[in-house]
Every structure is written in structure tokens, then in C-alpha cells.
Amino acid sequence: MHKSGFSKLSIWTFWSPLKFALTTTLLLIVTMLIYGLGLNIIGIKTVPPLTYLSALSCIVFIIGAALQIRALPHDKITQRSFIEIQNAQTVLTSIFFVFSWALLIKFQHAIILHTISLSQTHPLLTIFLFLIFLLFYMYMIGILIANIYAKISRMHTMNIPMWKVCLSIPFGFTALWVPGYILHDTDKKSSTSISQSKWYTSMTNWIVARPTHTAVAFAIMTLCCLYSGTKPVLLTFIFALICGIWAIQTTPKKFIKNIGSKYSTFAVIVNWAIILTLALYSTAVSHTTQNVEININETHEIITQ
């Protein structure tokens, strides 16, 4: 399961996402080749070919994700190891995302022109560059998969029922992983570093030494995710505040011990309340838009008469 000589942190942040990128890219290429040959031999007239290709691509992604998760460590995720994984993955994705977007925004016209030119003069080089680009973004998706699995593993370690985890997706999911970062474990004996880097271990030691240090690190890492939008960041801070107040009221030890009952139920209720609110809002907006369109059409008919 684990590569000898590699730290568990490197598996979470590099080797398993890289495995996902290589496996998925290779399977996508093979799938497209087989799919193209199948179209020429069989021929499909009733269903658009893109439908089959999309379904096959989804299957490829599921296989790639399953192989990646299988390659990840399956140890209990303590607060220390979760902080190490979360911080490393957050910094990596933030740097990659900001760098790639800055590059695209600044040189988008040059990139498009060079791509068109290369596709005509050097088609093989164009294919090679496309594969590099695809591998890069598959690697980013691999980090995201590893991040989600780390959060779910942390919830499992904290004895949060998996059915509640599933029912908390997508809006209440943050409420369940935030306590795993900001609250200290009741049992600290098994809390060991998963990094072979001394400076990174020392930094984690500083973070877990005091609740204020943990809060500062959490705030910095959350702000690093501003590229995903202000609303997810704001929601994360709100859940962290609720979690902190709840833990202070009940004491952190009792809160962690009973996190699988009332608090996780609260996350599920909030999730479905948000879903219901958005659904009602969407329906109301759609109904209002239809009424406005009807009024405009009626006004236009009156004017033209």
C-alpha cells in the first residue's frame, strides 16, 4: 500500500494524486481510441455518440478515484496528521490555481495563437502539450479527491456516522470536518507526525501547542481558499465560530465525545435547510421571470395593435 522511503504526507499530497492523474489520463486515451474504433465498426444512430463517451469518461474517473483511494494510507487520522495533510494540500492547490489562472489571464491570447500555430505546424508537439496540461489538471483533481477522503477519514476517527456525513453533503460537510482541525484530540498518545520534514513537523507542533495557534493556522488556510469564492470561505468561518461556541459551552472533551450525535445532526439539518431554501428561491425566481416575460409579451402585443 505504501511506498518504502516515502512519508505518508507525500503519499497524500504527491504520489496518490499523481497515480490518479497517470491512471485516469491513460484510461481516457485508451477509452477514446476504443470508442472511436467502435463507432467506425458498429455505428450509432439512435443515441448521440457524446452520451456514451460521457458515460465512459465518468466510469474512468470512478475507477481512477477508487485506485487512488486504495493507494492512500488507511490509518486513523488524528488532529496532527489531519492538519499536516490539510495544510499541505491547501497550499499546493492555492499555488497551482493562482499560478495557472494568472498565466492564463496574462497570456491567454498568446497561448491561443501559439496553440493554433503549433496544431498546424507541429501536431505531435501540440498533442504532447495537451497531455501535459491534462496531467496537470488531473493531478489537481487527485489532490481534491485525497483531500475529501482525508476529511471523511477524520470524521470516521471522530466517530461521526457515515450516513450523517453523506446527508451533510454539500453544505453541511464543512461543519463536520472543521472540528477535526480546530479541536484537540482527547487521546494524544497516538498523535505522531506523518512528515519526514523537520521544519514541517516543528510548524505543526507549534500549531497544535495552543488553541490560539490552531485558530490562526485555520484562519490562514481558509483565507488561502479565497480562489474558490468568498461564500465557501465565509461559510467555513461561520461553522468554525458555531463549533467553537458549542465546544466552549459543553467543554471541548464532551463536544468531541458526543460529536456524532447532536452536532452532526445539526450539520445535516443545516444542509437540508439550505438546499430547501435554494430550491424555493430558484422556483420563486423562475416563476417571477415567467410572469415578467408574459407581461412584456402582453405589453408588446398591446403596443403593436
Protein backbone atom coordinates (compact mmCIF):
# COMPACT_ATOMS: atom_id res chain seq x y z
CA MET A 1 0.00 0.00 0.00
CA HIS A 2 2.79 2.46 0.90
CA LYS A 3 5.98 3.13 -0.97
CA SER A 4 9.04 2.49 1.18
CA GLY A 5 11.15 5.58 1.81
CA PHE A 6 8.23 7.96 1.24
CA SER A 7 6.49 9.74 4.09
CA LYS A 8 2.74 9.30 4.44
CA LEU A 9 2.35 13.02 3.83
CA SER A 10 4.00 12.72 0.41
CA ILE A 11 1.54 9.93 -0.44
CA TRP A 12 -1.38 12.21 0.44
CA THR A 13 -0.02 15.20 -1.46
CA PHE A 14 2.01 13.77 -4.34
CA TRP A 15 2.07 10.04 -5.05
CA SER A 16 -1.64 9.20 -4.87
CA PRO A 17 -2.74 12.31 -6.88
CA LEU A 18 -0.02 11.51 -9.42
CA LYS A 19 -1.28 7.92 -9.63
CA PHE A 20 -4.79 9.24 -10.26
CA ALA A 21 -3.52 11.62 -12.96
CA LEU A 22 -1.50 8.96 -14.81
CA THR A 23 -4.13 6.23 -14.48
CA THR A 24 -7.06 8.42 -15.48
CA THR A 25 -5.25 10.04 -18.41
CA LEU A 26 -4.11 6.66 -19.75
CA LEU A 27 -7.58 5.14 -19.35
CA LEU A 28 -9.18 8.16 -21.05
CA ILE A 29 -6.84 7.82 -24.04
CA VAL A 30 -7.48 4.07 -24.32
CA THR A 31 -11.24 4.62 -23.92
CA MET A 32 -11.31 7.26 -26.67
CA LEU A 33 -9.33 5.02 -29.03
CA ILE A 34 -11.60 2.02 -28.43
CA TYR A 35 -14.65 4.28 -28.64
CA GLY A 36 -13.50 5.71 -31.98
CA LEU A 37 -12.87 2.24 -33.40
CA GLY A 38 -16.25 1.08 -32.11
CA LEU A 39 -18.03 3.93 -33.88
CA ASN A 40 -16.39 3.03 -37.17
CA ILE A 41 -17.20 -0.67 -36.83
CA ILE A 42 -20.68 -0.60 -35.25
CA GLY A 43 -22.06 2.87 -35.95
CA ILE A 44 -24.53 4.56 -33.61
CA LYS A 45 -27.60 6.36 -34.99
CA THR A 46 -30.26 6.44 -32.26
CA VAL A 47 -28.20 7.86 -29.34
CA PRO A 48 -25.69 10.73 -29.77
CA PRO A 49 -22.13 9.37 -29.54
CA LEU A 50 -21.24 12.03 -26.94
CA THR A 51 -23.65 10.41 -24.47
CA TYR A 52 -21.72 7.14 -24.50
CA LEU A 53 -18.38 8.95 -24.31
CA SER A 54 -19.52 10.99 -21.31
CA ALA A 55 -20.72 7.84 -19.53
CA LEU A 56 -17.44 6.05 -20.25
CA SER A 57 -15.47 9.08 -19.02
CA CYS A 58 -17.42 9.03 -15.74
CA ILE A 59 -16.62 5.34 -15.31
CA VAL A 60 -12.94 6.08 -15.96
CA PHE A 61 -12.95 8.81 -13.29
CA ILE A 62 -14.61 6.47 -10.79
CA ILE A 63 -12.03 3.74 -11.47
CA GLY A 64 -9.18 6.26 -11.15
CA ALA A 65 -10.57 7.61 -7.88
CA ALA A 66 -11.06 4.09 -6.48
CA LEU A 67 -7.46 3.13 -7.33
CA GLN A 68 -6.20 6.34 -5.75
CA ILE A 69 -8.16 5.84 -2.54
CA ARG A 70 -6.90 2.27 -2.35
CA ALA A 71 -3.31 3.60 -2.52
CA LEU A 72 -3.87 6.10 0.31
CA PRO A 73 -2.94 5.30 3.94
CA HIS A 74 -5.89 3.90 5.88
CA ASP A 75 -4.63 4.73 9.37
CA LYS A 76 -6.67 6.74 11.85
CA ILE A 77 -6.45 10.44 11.06
CA THR A 78 -5.55 12.33 14.23
CA GLN A 79 -5.74 16.10 14.59
CA ARG A 80 -1.99 16.44 13.98
CA SER A 81 -1.96 14.29 10.83
CA PHE A 82 -5.14 15.97 9.55
CA ILE A 83 -3.60 19.43 10.00
CA GLU A 84 -0.46 18.31 8.17
CA ILE A 85 -2.47 16.88 5.27
CA GLN A 86 -4.95 19.77 5.09
CA ASN A 87 -2.29 22.49 5.22
CA ALA A 88 -0.06 20.89 2.59
CA GLN A 89 -2.93 20.21 0.18
CA THR A 90 -4.39 23.70 0.67
CA VAL A 91 -1.08 25.44 -0.02
CA LEU A 92 -0.40 23.28 -3.08
CA THR A 93 -3.82 23.81 -4.65
CA SER A 94 -3.73 27.55 -3.89
CA ILE A 95 -0.31 28.00 -5.51
CA PHE A 96 -1.21 25.88 -8.56
CA PHE A 97 -4.59 27.53 -9.04
CA VAL A 98 -3.35 31.12 -8.67
CA PHE A 99 -0.31 30.47 -10.87
CA SER A 100 -2.29 28.77 -13.65
CA TRP A 101 -5.04 31.41 -13.68
CA ALA A 102 -2.55 34.28 -13.61
CA LEU A 103 -0.73 32.66 -16.52
CA LEU A 104 -3.94 32.17 -18.50
CA ILE A 105 -5.23 35.69 -17.83
CA LYS A 106 -1.95 37.40 -18.72
CA PHE A 107 -1.02 35.30 -21.74
CA GLN A 108 -4.39 33.94 -22.91
CA HIS A 109 -4.18 35.49 -26.39
CA ALA A 110 -0.58 34.38 -26.88
CA ILE A 111 -1.43 30.86 -25.67
CA ILE A 112 -4.38 30.59 -28.07
CA LEU A 113 -2.37 31.89 -31.04
CA HIS A 114 0.61 29.62 -30.31
CA THR A 115 -1.70 26.62 -29.87
CA ILE A 116 -3.38 27.25 -33.24
CA SER A 117 0.00 27.75 -34.89
CA LEU A 118 1.51 24.62 -33.33
CA SER A 119 -1.52 22.49 -34.22
CA GLN A 120 -0.89 23.29 -37.89
CA THR A 121 2.91 23.10 -37.96
CA HIS A 122 3.74 20.65 -35.14
CA PRO A 123 0.69 18.46 -34.41
CA LEU A 124 2.68 15.95 -32.33
CA LEU A 125 4.06 18.71 -30.12
CA THR A 126 0.53 20.06 -29.69
CA ILE A 127 -0.70 16.64 -28.56
CA PHE A 128 2.24 16.38 -26.14
CA LEU A 129 1.50 19.80 -24.61
CA PHE A 130 -2.18 18.91 -24.34
CA LEU A 131 -1.27 15.72 -22.44
CA ILE A 132 0.95 17.72 -20.05
CA PHE A 133 -1.90 20.16 -19.50
CA LEU A 134 -4.34 17.28 -18.91
CA LEU A 135 -1.97 15.54 -16.48
CA PHE A 136 -1.55 18.76 -14.51
CA TYR A 137 -5.29 19.24 -14.01
CA MET A 138 -5.84 15.53 -13.34
CA TYR A 139 -3.21 15.88 -10.62
CA MET A 140 -5.17 18.81 -9.16
CA ILE A 141 -8.34 16.69 -9.17
CA GLY A 142 -6.34 13.91 -7.49
CA ILE A 143 -5.37 16.29 -4.67
CA LEU A 144 -9.05 17.21 -4.28
CA ILE A 145 -10.03 13.53 -4.04
CA ALA A 146 -7.31 12.89 -1.45
CA ASN A 147 -8.46 15.95 0.49
CA ILE A 148 -12.08 14.79 0.59
CA TYR A 149 -11.03 11.28 1.64
CA ALA A 150 -8.81 12.72 4.40
CA LYS A 151 -11.75 14.73 5.73
CA ILE A 152 -14.05 11.70 5.66
CA SER A 153 -11.37 9.59 7.41
CA ARG A 154 -11.01 12.29 10.06
CA MET A 155 -14.78 12.24 10.61
CA HIS A 156 -14.68 8.45 10.90
CA THR A 157 -11.91 8.72 13.52
CA MET A 158 -14.11 11.17 15.45
CA ASN A 159 -16.96 8.58 15.38
CA ILE A 160 -19.29 10.58 13.16
CA PRO A 161 -21.75 8.15 11.47
CA MET A 162 -21.16 7.83 7.74
CA TRP A 163 -24.86 8.20 6.96
CA LYS A 164 -24.78 11.63 8.58
CA VAL A 165 -21.66 12.50 6.59
CA CYS A 166 -23.49 11.59 3.38
CA LEU A 167 -26.60 13.57 4.36
CA SER A 168 -24.47 16.61 5.21
CA ILE A 169 -23.17 16.93 1.63
CA PRO A 170 -22.67 19.52 0.24
CA PHE A 171 -23.35 22.49 2.57
CA GLY A 172 -23.09 20.79 5.97
CA PHE A 173 -19.96 18.82 5.09
CA THR A 174 -17.71 21.71 6.19
CA ALA A 175 -19.38 21.77 9.61
CA LEU A 176 -18.23 18.18 10.20
CA TRP A 177 -14.57 18.46 9.20
CA VAL A 178 -13.89 21.84 10.86
CA PRO A 179 -13.92 20.37 14.43
CA GLY A 180 -11.35 17.81 13.32
CA TYR A 181 -8.94 20.65 12.58
CA ILE A 182 -9.54 23.17 15.36
CA LEU A 183 -10.26 20.86 18.33
CA HIS A 184 -7.56 18.80 20.03
CA ASP A 185 -7.86 15.02 20.35
CA THR A 186 -8.68 13.66 23.79
CA ASP A 187 -6.08 10.90 23.26
CA LYS A 188 -2.76 12.43 22.24
CA LYS A 189 -0.60 9.33 22.72
CA SER A 190 -1.08 8.07 19.15
CA SER A 191 -0.66 11.56 17.64
CA THR A 192 2.56 11.34 15.62
CA SER A 193 3.81 13.29 12.63
CA ILE A 194 3.36 11.79 9.15
CA SER A 195 6.00 14.07 7.65
CA GLN A 196 9.73 13.37 7.38
CA SER A 197 10.48 17.10 7.19
CA LYS A 198 11.73 18.54 10.49
CA TRP A 199 10.64 22.11 9.79
CA TYR A 200 7.14 20.98 8.79
CA THR A 201 6.84 18.84 11.91
CA SER A 202 8.03 21.77 14.04
CA MET A 203 5.45 24.04 12.42
CA THR A 204 2.70 21.50 13.17
CA ASN A 205 3.95 21.23 16.76
CA TRP A 206 3.52 25.00 17.07
CA ILE A 207 0.01 24.84 15.59
CA VAL A 208 -1.25 22.12 17.95
CA ALA A 209 0.52 23.55 21.01
CA ARG A 210 -2.23 26.06 21.80
CA PRO A 211 -5.83 26.61 20.64
CA THR A 212 -4.95 30.18 19.59
CA HIS A 213 -2.17 28.87 17.33
CA THR A 214 -4.60 26.38 15.80
CA ALA A 215 -7.16 29.13 15.22
CA VAL A 216 -4.57 31.34 13.49
CA ALA A 217 -3.42 28.49 11.23
CA PHE A 218 -7.03 27.59 10.41
CA ALA A 219 -7.83 31.20 9.50
CA ILE A 220 -4.77 31.47 7.23
CA MET A 221 -5.51 28.18 5.46
CA THR A 222 -9.16 29.14 5.00
CA LEU A 223 -8.20 32.51 3.50
CA CYS A 224 -5.87 30.67 1.11
CA CYS A 225 -9.03 29.17 -0.39
CA LEU A 226 -10.45 32.54 -1.46
CA TYR A 227 -9.85 31.47 -5.07
CA SER A 228 -12.89 29.18 -4.67
CA GLY A 229 -15.09 32.18 -3.84
CA THR A 230 -15.99 34.29 -0.82
CA LYS A 231 -19.17 32.37 0.03
CA PRO A 232 -17.46 29.00 0.80
CA VAL A 233 -14.81 30.81 2.86
CA LEU A 234 -17.46 32.76 4.78
CA LEU A 235 -19.45 29.56 5.39
CA THR A 236 -16.31 27.86 6.74
CA PHE A 237 -15.69 30.70 9.21
CA ILE A 238 -19.34 30.64 10.31
CA PHE A 239 -19.22 26.90 11.01
CA ALA A 240 -15.90 27.32 12.84
CA LEU A 241 -17.46 30.02 15.04
CA ILE A 242 -20.51 27.85 15.78
CA CYS A 243 -18.27 24.87 16.55
CA GLY A 244 -16.07 26.96 18.86
CA ILE A 245 -19.01 28.42 20.80
CA TRP A 246 -20.64 24.97 21.07
CA ALA A 247 -17.39 23.41 22.34
CA ILE A 248 -16.89 26.18 24.92
CA GLN A 249 -20.45 25.77 26.20
CA THR A 250 -20.19 21.99 26.58
CA THR A 251 -16.38 21.78 27.13
CA PRO A 252 -14.18 20.52 24.25
CA LYS A 253 -13.85 16.98 25.65
CA LYS A 254 -17.62 16.46 25.89
CA PHE A 255 -18.13 18.06 22.50
CA ILE A 256 -15.64 15.72 20.81
CA LYS A 257 -17.03 12.70 22.66
CA ASN A 258 -20.60 13.45 21.55
CA ILE A 259 -19.88 15.00 18.16
CA GLY A 260 -21.56 12.07 16.42
CA SER A 261 -24.94 12.88 17.97
CA LYS A 262 -26.32 16.43 18.31
CA TYR A 263 -23.68 18.40 16.41
CA SER A 264 -23.61 16.06 13.40
CA THR A 265 -27.42 16.11 13.37
CA PHE A 266 -27.24 19.91 13.37
CA ALA A 267 -24.95 19.75 10.29
CA VAL A 268 -27.46 17.54 8.47
CA ILE A 269 -30.37 19.85 9.34
CA VAL A 270 -28.46 22.95 8.20
CA ASN A 271 -27.51 21.23 4.95
CA TRP A 272 -31.08 20.32 4.03
CA ALA A 273 -32.39 23.68 5.21
CA ILE A 274 -30.00 25.41 2.80
CA ILE A 275 -30.94 23.01 -0.02
CA LEU A 276 -34.65 23.61 0.58
CA THR A 277 -34.15 27.39 0.75
CA LEU A 278 -32.20 27.43 -2.50
CA ALA A 279 -34.81 25.23 -4.19
CA LEU A 280 -37.65 27.52 -3.08
CA TYR A 281 -35.69 30.60 -4.11
CA SER A 282 -34.92 29.11 -7.52
CA THR A 283 -38.60 28.23 -8.01
CA ALA A 284 -39.70 31.72 -6.97
CA VAL A 285 -37.19 33.40 -9.30
CA SER A 286 -38.22 31.14 -12.18
CA HIS A 287 -41.91 31.90 -11.56
CA THR A 288 -41.21 35.65 -11.36
CA THR A 289 -39.19 35.54 -14.58
CA GLN A 290 -42.02 33.76 -16.38
CA ASN A 291 -44.53 36.39 -15.16
CA VAL A 292 -42.25 39.22 -16.31
CA GLU A 293 -41.88 37.60 -19.74
CA ILE A 294 -45.67 37.20 -20.02
CA ASN A 295 -46.20 40.87 -19.07
CA ILE A 296 -43.60 42.00 -21.60
CA ASN A 297 -45.24 39.93 -24.34
CA GLU A 298 -48.70 41.29 -23.45
CA THR A 299 -47.38 44.87 -23.44
CA HIS A 300 -45.72 44.31 -26.81
CA GLU A 301 -48.98 42.95 -28.26
CA ILE A 302 -50.93 45.98 -26.97
CA ILE A 303 -48.40 48.43 -28.44
CA THR A 304 -48.36 46.72 -31.84
CA GLN A 305 -52.17 46.65 -32.11
